[in-house]
């Protein structure tokens, strides 16, 4: 027969469940455990969104078994090759345009190489770690949590049955399930505790991406400024020669 204490605990669990119907973990689990699970789920939503955005933003092809990751030929490189072709073939009649096109080709090619290098670094050091966590680690942790909840349900049912109709077999089974559940609960606790370090590492990855993009933009600004100076000198030289003629 169920004791007064066990009945009281059962009522308390039901009351807690009513107070928080959205609670994922069993009501008799510690509140801090539930909070860590909530943070895990929320972090996954954010990480999944970031991975999806990065996948299109960095424009890097996924590697295949027969080929390593390769960057897509960007518009900068296409423009550089186009300018170089026109300059070398001397299609334009205006001679001053030739050095201008060559300078444009050079600066576009430099920025293209820098962009590809930056994208590859973001792919290796930011995108891949985040995607690995989203695709592999999170499903594994979720599986461990699900197993823990299922063991808790089974343990609770067997314990209740053993309390109603006690016998040695049911008692042993209840104790075995309790031990299995407690062991699984400790595994989940450790996984959630490790999430704190994972969170810090992923924050570092995102900061690294911002730093790399900032460096890329600074490099491109300097390249464009230098190109403008070269073009201006070229035009001044041509203007002087034209005036003398």
C-alpha atoms as a PDB file:
ATOM      1  CA  UNK A   1       0.000   0.000   0.000  1.00  0.00           C
ATOM      2  CA  UNK A   2       1.289   3.458  -0.855  1.00  0.00           C
ATOM      3  CA  UNK A   3       2.636   5.459   2.084  1.00  0.00           C
ATOM      4  CA  UNK A   4       1.453   8.954   3.032  1.00  0.00           C
ATOM      5  CA  UNK A   5       4.844  10.329   1.989  1.00  0.00           C
ATOM      6  CA  UNK A   6       4.720   8.785  -1.486  1.00  0.00           C
ATOM      7  CA  UNK A   7       1.166  10.044  -2.041  1.00  0.00           C
ATOM      8  CA  UNK A   8       2.182  13.553  -0.984  1.00  0.00           C
ATOM      9  CA  UNK A   9       5.144  13.516  -3.383  1.00  0.00           C
ATOM     10  CA  UNK A  10       2.913  12.314  -6.206  1.00  0.00           C
ATOM     11  CA  UNK A  11       0.457  15.148  -5.578  1.00  0.00           C
ATOM     12  CA  UNK A  12       3.326  17.674  -5.471  1.00  0.00           C
ATOM     13  CA  UNK A  13       4.638  16.431  -8.819  1.00  0.00           C
ATOM     14  CA  UNK A  14       1.183  16.793 -10.400  1.00  0.00           C
ATOM     15  CA  UNK A  15       0.823  20.308  -9.011  1.00  0.00           C
ATOM     16  CA  UNK A  16       4.224  21.305 -10.399  1.00  0.00           C
ATOM     17  CA  UNK A  17       3.261  19.885 -13.770  1.00  0.00           C
ATOM     18  CA  UNK A  18       0.074  21.973 -13.792  1.00  0.00           C
ATOM     19  CA  UNK A  19       2.025  25.099 -12.850  1.00  0.00           C
ATOM     20  CA  UNK A  20       4.394  24.615 -15.786  1.00  0.00           C
ATOM     21  CA  UNK A  21       2.669  22.611 -18.557  1.00  0.00           C
ATOM     22  CA  UNK A  22       5.502  23.392 -20.999  1.00  0.00           C
ATOM     23  CA  UNK A  23       8.127  21.787 -18.796  1.00  0.00           C
ATOM     24  CA  UNK A  24      10.115  19.191 -20.743  1.00  0.00           C
ATOM     25  CA  UNK A  25      11.839  17.235 -17.976  1.00  0.00           C
ATOM     26  CA  UNK A  26       9.917  15.316 -15.282  1.00  0.00           C
ATOM     27  CA  UNK A  27       8.529  17.602 -12.528  1.00  0.00           C
ATOM     28  CA  UNK A  28      10.656  15.997  -9.813  1.00  0.00           C
ATOM     29  CA  UNK A  29      13.890  16.873 -11.650  1.00  0.00           C
ATOM     30  CA  UNK A  30      15.850  19.858 -10.279  1.00  0.00           C
ATOM     31  CA  UNK A  31      14.765  23.230 -11.663  1.00  0.00           C
ATOM     32  CA  UNK A  32      18.325  24.051 -12.708  1.00  0.00           C
ATOM     33  CA  UNK A  33      18.334  20.896 -14.862  1.00  0.00           C
ATOM     34  CA  UNK A  34      15.176  22.065 -16.620  1.00  0.00           C
ATOM     35  CA  UNK A  35      16.684  25.530 -17.138  1.00  0.00           C
ATOM     36  CA  UNK A  36      19.758  24.003 -18.762  1.00  0.00           C
ATOM     37  CA  UNK A  37      17.532  21.978 -21.092  1.00  0.00           C
ATOM     38  CA  UNK A  38      15.626  25.146 -22.040  1.00  0.00           C
ATOM     39  CA  UNK A  39      18.917  26.910 -22.788  1.00  0.00           C
ATOM     40  CA  UNK A  40      20.055  23.932 -24.863  1.00  0.00           C
ATOM     41  CA  UNK A  41      16.911  24.029 -27.014  1.00  0.00           C
ATOM     42  CA  UNK A  42      17.083  27.808 -27.429  1.00  0.00           C
ATOM     43  CA  UNK A  43      20.758  27.705 -28.332  1.00  0.00           C
ATOM     44  CA  UNK A  44      20.087  25.067 -30.982  1.00  0.00           C
ATOM     45  CA  UNK A  45      17.510  27.304 -32.687  1.00  0.00           C
ATOM     46  CA  UNK A  46      20.036  30.152 -32.829  1.00  0.00           C
ATOM     47  CA  UNK A  47      22.935  27.933 -33.949  1.00  0.00           C
ATOM     48  CA  UNK A  48      20.850  26.324 -36.693  1.00  0.00           C
ATOM     49  CA  UNK A  49      19.891  29.758 -38.029  1.00  0.00           C
ATOM     50  CA  UNK A  50      23.521  30.941 -37.964  1.00  0.00           C
ATOM     51  CA  UNK A  51      24.721  27.825 -39.803  1.00  0.00           C
ATOM     52  CA  UNK A  52      22.071  28.270 -42.483  1.00  0.00           C
ATOM     53  CA  UNK A  53      23.018  31.930 -42.967  1.00  0.00           C
ATOM     54  CA  UNK A  54      26.742  31.195 -43.051  1.00  0.00           C
ATOM     55  CA  UNK A  55      26.224  28.422 -45.578  1.00  0.00           C
ATOM     56  CA  UNK A  56      25.026  30.938 -48.152  1.00  0.00           C
ATOM     57  CA  UNK A  57      27.050  33.915 -46.921  1.00  0.00           C
ATOM     58  CA  UNK A  58      30.580  32.532 -47.226  1.00  0.00           C
ATOM     59  CA  UNK A  59      29.901  30.993 -50.655  1.00  0.00           C
ATOM     60  CA  UNK A  60      31.988  27.876 -50.111  1.00  0.00           C
ATOM     61  CA  UNK A  61      31.136  24.595 -51.779  1.00  0.00           C
ATOM     62  CA  UNK A  62      30.683  21.593 -49.519  1.00  0.00           C
ATOM     63  CA  UNK A  63      33.566  19.115 -49.929  1.00  0.00           C
ATOM     64  CA  UNK A  64      32.968  15.809 -51.673  1.00  0.00           C
ATOM     65  CA  UNK A  65      34.891  12.539 -51.148  1.00  0.00           C
ATOM     66  CA  UNK A  66      36.841  13.164 -54.357  1.00  0.00           C
ATOM     67  CA  UNK A  67      37.461  16.904 -53.993  1.00  0.00           C
ATOM     68  CA  UNK A  68      38.428  19.293 -51.173  1.00  0.00           C
ATOM     69  CA  UNK A  69      36.410  22.428 -50.348  1.00  0.00           C
ATOM     70  CA  UNK A  70      36.641  25.024 -53.103  1.00  0.00           C
ATOM     71  CA  UNK A  71      35.440  28.591 -53.159  1.00  0.00           C
ATOM     72  CA  UNK A  72      33.032  29.725 -55.828  1.00  0.00           C
ATOM     73  CA  UNK A  73      34.539  32.056 -58.419  1.00  0.00           C
ATOM     74  CA  UNK A  74      33.239  35.378 -57.164  1.00  0.00           C
ATOM     75  CA  UNK A  75      32.129  38.437 -59.099  1.00  0.00           C
ATOM     76  CA  UNK A  76      35.342  40.270 -58.232  1.00  0.00           C
ATOM     77  CA  UNK A  77      37.460  37.702 -60.040  1.00  0.00           C
ATOM     78  CA  UNK A  78      35.132  37.669 -63.033  1.00  0.00           C
ATOM     79  CA  UNK A  79      35.350  41.461 -63.271  1.00  0.00           C
ATOM     80  CA  UNK A  80      39.142  41.354 -62.929  1.00  0.00           C
ATOM     81  CA  UNK A  81      39.491  38.854 -65.767  1.00  0.00           C
ATOM     82  CA  UNK A  82      37.133  40.873 -67.952  1.00  0.00           C
ATOM     83  CA  UNK A  83      39.099  44.115 -67.421  1.00  0.00           C
ATOM     84  CA  UNK A  84      42.404  42.355 -68.031  1.00  0.00           C
ATOM     85  CA  UNK A  85      41.140  40.839 -71.282  1.00  0.00           C
ATOM     86  CA  UNK A  86      39.949  44.212 -72.603  1.00  0.00           C
ATOM     87  CA  UNK A  87      43.202  45.937 -71.610  1.00  0.00           C
ATOM     88  CA  UNK A  88      45.468  43.297 -73.174  1.00  0.00           C
ATOM     89  CA  UNK A  89      43.488  43.100 -76.408  1.00  0.00           C
ATOM     90  CA  UNK A  90      43.439  46.899 -76.631  1.00  0.00           C
ATOM     91  CA  UNK A  91      39.806  46.881 -77.688  1.00  0.00           C
ATOM     92  CA  UNK A  92      39.314  50.468 -76.573  1.00  0.00           C
ATOM     93  CA  UNK A  93      40.622  53.275 -78.744  1.00  0.00           C
ATOM     94  CA  UNK A  94      41.207  55.578 -75.775  1.00  0.00           C
ATOM     95  CA  UNK A  95      44.747  54.820 -74.593  1.00  0.00           C
ATOM     96  CA  UNK A  96      44.227  56.315 -71.083  1.00  0.00           C
ATOM     97  CA  UNK A  97      41.597  53.659 -70.405  1.00  0.00           C
ATOM     98  CA  UNK A  98      44.085  50.798 -70.765  1.00  0.00           C
ATOM     99  CA  UNK A  99      46.129  51.463 -67.578  1.00  0.00           C
ATOM    100  CA  UNK A 100      42.884  52.241 -65.770  1.00  0.00           C
ATOM    101  CA  UNK A 101      41.460  48.872 -66.747  1.00  0.00           C
ATOM    102  CA  UNK A 102      44.686  47.104 -65.794  1.00  0.00           C
ATOM    103  CA  UNK A 103      44.668  48.788 -62.390  1.00  0.00           C
ATOM    104  CA  UNK A 104      41.016  47.822 -61.936  1.00  0.00           C
ATOM    105  CA  UNK A 105      41.849  44.244 -62.880  1.00  0.00           C
ATOM    106  CA  UNK A 106      44.733  44.105 -60.396  1.00  0.00           C
ATOM    107  CA  UNK A 107      42.754  45.489 -57.461  1.00  0.00           C
ATOM    108  CA  UNK A 108      39.749  43.256 -58.174  1.00  0.00           C
ATOM    109  CA  UNK A 109      41.987  40.189 -58.336  1.00  0.00           C
ATOM    110  CA  UNK A 110      43.691  41.128 -55.050  1.00  0.00           C
ATOM    111  CA  UNK A 111      40.343  41.594 -53.305  1.00  0.00           C
ATOM    112  CA  UNK A 112      39.054  38.348 -54.798  1.00  0.00           C
ATOM    113  CA  UNK A 113      42.008  36.386 -53.403  1.00  0.00           C
ATOM    114  CA  UNK A 114      41.601  38.025 -50.001  1.00  0.00           C
ATOM    115  CA  UNK A 115      37.865  37.315 -49.958  1.00  0.00           C
ATOM    116  CA  UNK A 116      38.380  33.667 -50.908  1.00  0.00           C
ATOM    117  CA  UNK A 117      41.024  33.270 -48.210  1.00  0.00           C
ATOM    118  CA  UNK A 118      38.728  34.854 -45.628  1.00  0.00           C
ATOM    119  CA  UNK A 119      35.789  32.698 -46.680  1.00  0.00           C
ATOM    120  CA  UNK A 120      37.897  29.553 -46.437  1.00  0.00           C
ATOM    121  CA  UNK A 121      39.057  30.494 -42.936  1.00  0.00           C
ATOM    122  CA  UNK A 122      35.477  31.203 -41.838  1.00  0.00           C
ATOM    123  CA  UNK A 123      34.448  27.873 -43.341  1.00  0.00           C
ATOM    124  CA  UNK A 124      37.145  25.946 -41.461  1.00  0.00           C
ATOM    125  CA  UNK A 125      37.112  27.772 -38.119  1.00  0.00           C
ATOM    126  CA  UNK A 126      33.505  28.935 -37.768  1.00  0.00           C
ATOM    127  CA  UNK A 127      31.069  27.181 -40.094  1.00  0.00           C
ATOM    128  CA  UNK A 128      32.344  23.615 -39.695  1.00  0.00           C
ATOM    129  CA  UNK A 129      32.447  23.613 -35.844  1.00  0.00           C
ATOM    130  CA  UNK A 130      28.953  25.122 -35.627  1.00  0.00           C
ATOM    131  CA  UNK A 131      27.526  22.755 -38.234  1.00  0.00           C
ATOM    132  CA  UNK A 132      29.139  19.773 -36.527  1.00  0.00           C
ATOM    133  CA  UNK A 133      27.430  20.693 -33.254  1.00  0.00           C
ATOM    134  CA  UNK A 134      24.059  21.216 -34.959  1.00  0.00           C
ATOM    135  CA  UNK A 135      24.221  18.009 -37.034  1.00  0.00           C
ATOM    136  CA  UNK A 136      25.978  15.648 -34.617  1.00  0.00           C
ATOM    137  CA  UNK A 137      26.311  16.827 -31.011  1.00  0.00           C
ATOM    138  CA  UNK A 138      22.833  18.255 -30.500  1.00  0.00           C
ATOM    139  CA  UNK A 139      21.010  15.132 -31.805  1.00  0.00           C
ATOM    140  CA  UNK A 140      23.229  12.970 -29.589  1.00  0.00           C
ATOM    141  CA  UNK A 141      22.444  15.051 -26.478  1.00  0.00           C
ATOM    142  CA  UNK A 142      18.727  15.033 -27.327  1.00  0.00           C
ATOM    143  CA  UNK A 143      18.851  11.253 -27.635  1.00  0.00           C
ATOM    144  CA  UNK A 144      20.462  10.965 -24.187  1.00  0.00           C
ATOM    145  CA  UNK A 145      17.774  13.219 -22.680  1.00  0.00           C
ATOM    146  CA  UNK A 146      14.986  11.223 -24.310  1.00  0.00           C
ATOM    147  CA  UNK A 147      16.458   7.998 -22.941  1.00  0.00           C
ATOM    148  CA  UNK A 148      16.645   9.551 -19.477  1.00  0.00           C
ATOM    149  CA  UNK A 149      12.993  10.648 -19.564  1.00  0.00           C
ATOM    150  CA  UNK A 150      11.863   7.219 -20.774  1.00  0.00           C
ATOM    151  CA  UNK A 151      13.795   5.496 -17.988  1.00  0.00           C
ATOM    152  CA  UNK A 152      12.255   7.887 -15.475  1.00  0.00           C
ATOM    153  CA  UNK A 153       8.741   7.023 -16.671  1.00  0.00           C
ATOM    154  CA  UNK A 154       9.463   3.300 -16.572  1.00  0.00           C
ATOM    155  CA  UNK A 155      11.116   3.600 -13.152  1.00  0.00           C
ATOM    156  CA  UNK A 156       8.132   5.547 -11.760  1.00  0.00           C
ATOM    157  CA  UNK A 157       5.589   3.043 -13.070  1.00  0.00           C
ATOM    158  CA  UNK A 158       7.506   0.003 -11.792  1.00  0.00           C
ATOM    159  CA  UNK A 159       8.067   1.645  -8.393  1.00  0.00           C
ATOM    160  CA  UNK A 160       4.346   2.450  -8.106  1.00  0.00           C
ATOM    161  CA  UNK A 161       3.439  -1.124  -9.032  1.00  0.00           C
ATOM    162  CA  UNK A 162       5.934  -2.500  -6.506  1.00  0.00           C
ATOM    163  CA  UNK A 163       4.448  -0.257  -3.808  1.00  0.00           C
ATOM    164  CA  UNK A 164       0.917  -1.487  -4.514  1.00  0.00           C
ATOM    165  CA  UNK A 165       1.771  -5.189  -4.745  1.00  0.00           C
ATOM    166  CA  UNK A 166       5.165  -5.715  -3.092  1.00  0.00           C
ATOM    167  CA  UNK A 167       7.220  -8.801  -3.919  1.00  0.00           C
ATOM    168  CA  UNK A 168      10.983  -9.471  -4.186  1.00  0.00           C
ATOM    169  CA  UNK A 169      10.989  -9.586  -8.012  1.00  0.00           C
ATOM    170  CA  UNK A 170       9.272  -6.215  -8.387  1.00  0.00           C
ATOM    171  CA  UNK A 171      11.474  -4.677  -5.712  1.00  0.00           C
ATOM    172  CA  UNK A 172      14.669  -5.828  -7.440  1.00  0.00           C
ATOM    173  CA  UNK A 173      13.399  -4.594 -10.815  1.00  0.00           C
ATOM    174  CA  UNK A 174      12.508  -1.222  -9.313  1.00  0.00           C
ATOM    175  CA  UNK A 175      15.983  -0.872  -7.792  1.00  0.00           C
ATOM    176  CA  UNK A 176      17.661  -1.846 -11.058  1.00  0.00           C
ATOM    177  CA  UNK A 177      15.628   0.698 -13.003  1.00  0.00           C
ATOM    178  CA  UNK A 178      16.384   3.340 -10.408  1.00  0.00           C
ATOM    179  CA  UNK A 179      20.112   2.706 -10.787  1.00  0.00           C
ATOM    180  CA  UNK A 180      19.906   2.771 -14.598  1.00  0.00           C
ATOM    181  CA  UNK A 181      17.947   6.000 -14.480  1.00  0.00           C
ATOM    182  CA  UNK A 182      20.334   7.649 -12.032  1.00  0.00           C
ATOM    183  CA  UNK A 183      23.288   6.668 -14.199  1.00  0.00           C
ATOM    184  CA  UNK A 184      21.590   8.100 -17.291  1.00  0.00           C
ATOM    185  CA  UNK A 185      20.654  11.246 -15.374  1.00  0.00           C
ATOM    186  CA  UNK A 186      24.312  11.793 -14.466  1.00  0.00           C
ATOM    187  CA  UNK A 187      25.263  11.412 -18.147  1.00  0.00           C
ATOM    188  CA  UNK A 188      22.738  14.101 -19.082  1.00  0.00           C
ATOM    189  CA  UNK A 189      23.917  16.376 -16.286  1.00  0.00           C
ATOM    190  CA  UNK A 190      27.471  16.123 -17.591  1.00  0.00           C
ATOM    191  CA  UNK A 191      26.350  16.853 -21.160  1.00  0.00           C
ATOM    192  CA  UNK A 192      24.477  19.956 -20.021  1.00  0.00           C
ATOM    193  CA  UNK A 193      27.432  21.063 -17.922  1.00  0.00           C
ATOM    194  CA  UNK A 194      29.719  20.702 -20.956  1.00  0.00           C
ATOM    195  CA  UNK A 195      27.372  22.991 -22.884  1.00  0.00           C
ATOM    196  CA  UNK A 196      28.796  25.942 -20.950  1.00  0.00           C
ATOM    197  CA  UNK A 197      32.198  25.384 -22.563  1.00  0.00           C
ATOM    198  CA  UNK A 198      30.588  24.690 -25.939  1.00  0.00           C
ATOM    199  CA  UNK A 199      28.689  27.956 -25.675  1.00  0.00           C
ATOM    200  CA  UNK A 200      31.902  29.871 -24.943  1.00  0.00           C
ATOM    201  CA  UNK A 201      33.675  28.232 -27.889  1.00  0.00           C
ATOM    202  CA  UNK A 202      30.837  29.050 -30.261  1.00  0.00           C
ATOM    203  CA  UNK A 203      30.823  32.665 -29.059  1.00  0.00           C
ATOM    204  CA  UNK A 204      34.536  32.722 -29.853  1.00  0.00           C
ATOM    205  CA  UNK A 205      33.809  31.349 -33.346  1.00  0.00           C
ATOM    206  CA  UNK A 206      31.276  34.090 -34.058  1.00  0.00           C
ATOM    207  CA  UNK A 207      33.626  36.789 -32.769  1.00  0.00           C
ATOM    208  CA  UNK A 208      36.366  35.364 -34.983  1.00  0.00           C
ATOM    209  CA  UNK A 209      34.070  35.609 -37.998  1.00  0.00           C
ATOM    210  CA  UNK A 210      33.362  39.282 -37.271  1.00  0.00           C
ATOM    211  CA  UNK A 211      37.086  39.977 -36.870  1.00  0.00           C
ATOM    212  CA  UNK A 212      37.897  38.258 -40.172  1.00  0.00           C
ATOM    213  CA  UNK A 213      35.184  40.189 -42.004  1.00  0.00           C
ATOM    214  CA  UNK A 214      36.378  43.454 -40.457  1.00  0.00           C
ATOM    215  CA  UNK A 215      39.929  42.720 -41.613  1.00  0.00           C
ATOM    216  CA  UNK A 216      38.667  41.884 -45.119  1.00  0.00           C
ATOM    217  CA  UNK A 217      36.710  45.120 -45.401  1.00  0.00           C
ATOM    218  CA  UNK A 218      39.700  47.146 -44.211  1.00  0.00           C
ATOM    219  CA  UNK A 219      41.931  45.444 -46.778  1.00  0.00           C
ATOM    220  CA  UNK A 220      39.459  46.149 -49.602  1.00  0.00           C
ATOM    221  CA  UNK A 221      39.180  49.815 -48.617  1.00  0.00           C
ATOM    222  CA  UNK A 222      42.959  50.216 -48.734  1.00  0.00           C
ATOM    223  CA  UNK A 223      43.178  48.452 -52.105  1.00  0.00           C
ATOM    224  CA  UNK A 224      40.511  50.721 -53.585  1.00  0.00           C
ATOM    225  CA  UNK A 225      42.159  53.845 -52.171  1.00  0.00           C
ATOM    226  CA  UNK A 226      45.531  52.822 -53.626  1.00  0.00           C
ATOM    227  CA  UNK A 227      43.913  52.061 -56.989  1.00  0.00           C
ATOM    228  CA  UNK A 228      42.331  55.519 -57.067  1.00  0.00           C
ATOM    229  CA  UNK A 229      45.736  57.107 -56.430  1.00  0.00           C
ATOM    230  CA  UNK A 230      47.329  55.096 -59.262  1.00  0.00           C
ATOM    231  CA  UNK A 231      44.507  55.982 -61.662  1.00  0.00           C
ATOM    232  CA  UNK A 232      44.725  59.664 -60.784  1.00  0.00           C
ATOM    233  CA  UNK A 233      48.458  59.708 -61.485  1.00  0.00           C
ATOM    234  CA  UNK A 234      47.855  57.927 -64.783  1.00  0.00           C
ATOM    235  CA  UNK A 235      45.273  60.479 -65.874  1.00  0.00           C
ATOM    236  CA  UNK A 236      47.500  63.372 -64.803  1.00  0.00           C
ATOM    237  CA  UNK A 237      50.327  61.925 -66.896  1.00  0.00           C
ATOM    238  CA  UNK A 238      48.098  61.527 -69.952  1.00  0.00           C
ATOM    239  CA  UNK A 239      46.655  65.025 -69.500  1.00  0.00           C
ATOM    240  CA  UNK A 240      50.154  66.492 -69.336  1.00  0.00           C
ATOM    241  CA  UNK A 241      51.258  64.624 -72.471  1.00  0.00           C
ATOM    242  CA  UNK A 242      48.117  65.725 -74.328  1.00  0.00           C
ATOM    243  CA  UNK A 243      48.684  69.351 -73.323  1.00  0.00           C
ATOM    244  CA  UNK A 244      52.282  69.253 -74.550  1.00  0.00           C
ATOM    245  CA  UNK A 245      51.155  67.844 -77.906  1.00  0.00           C
END
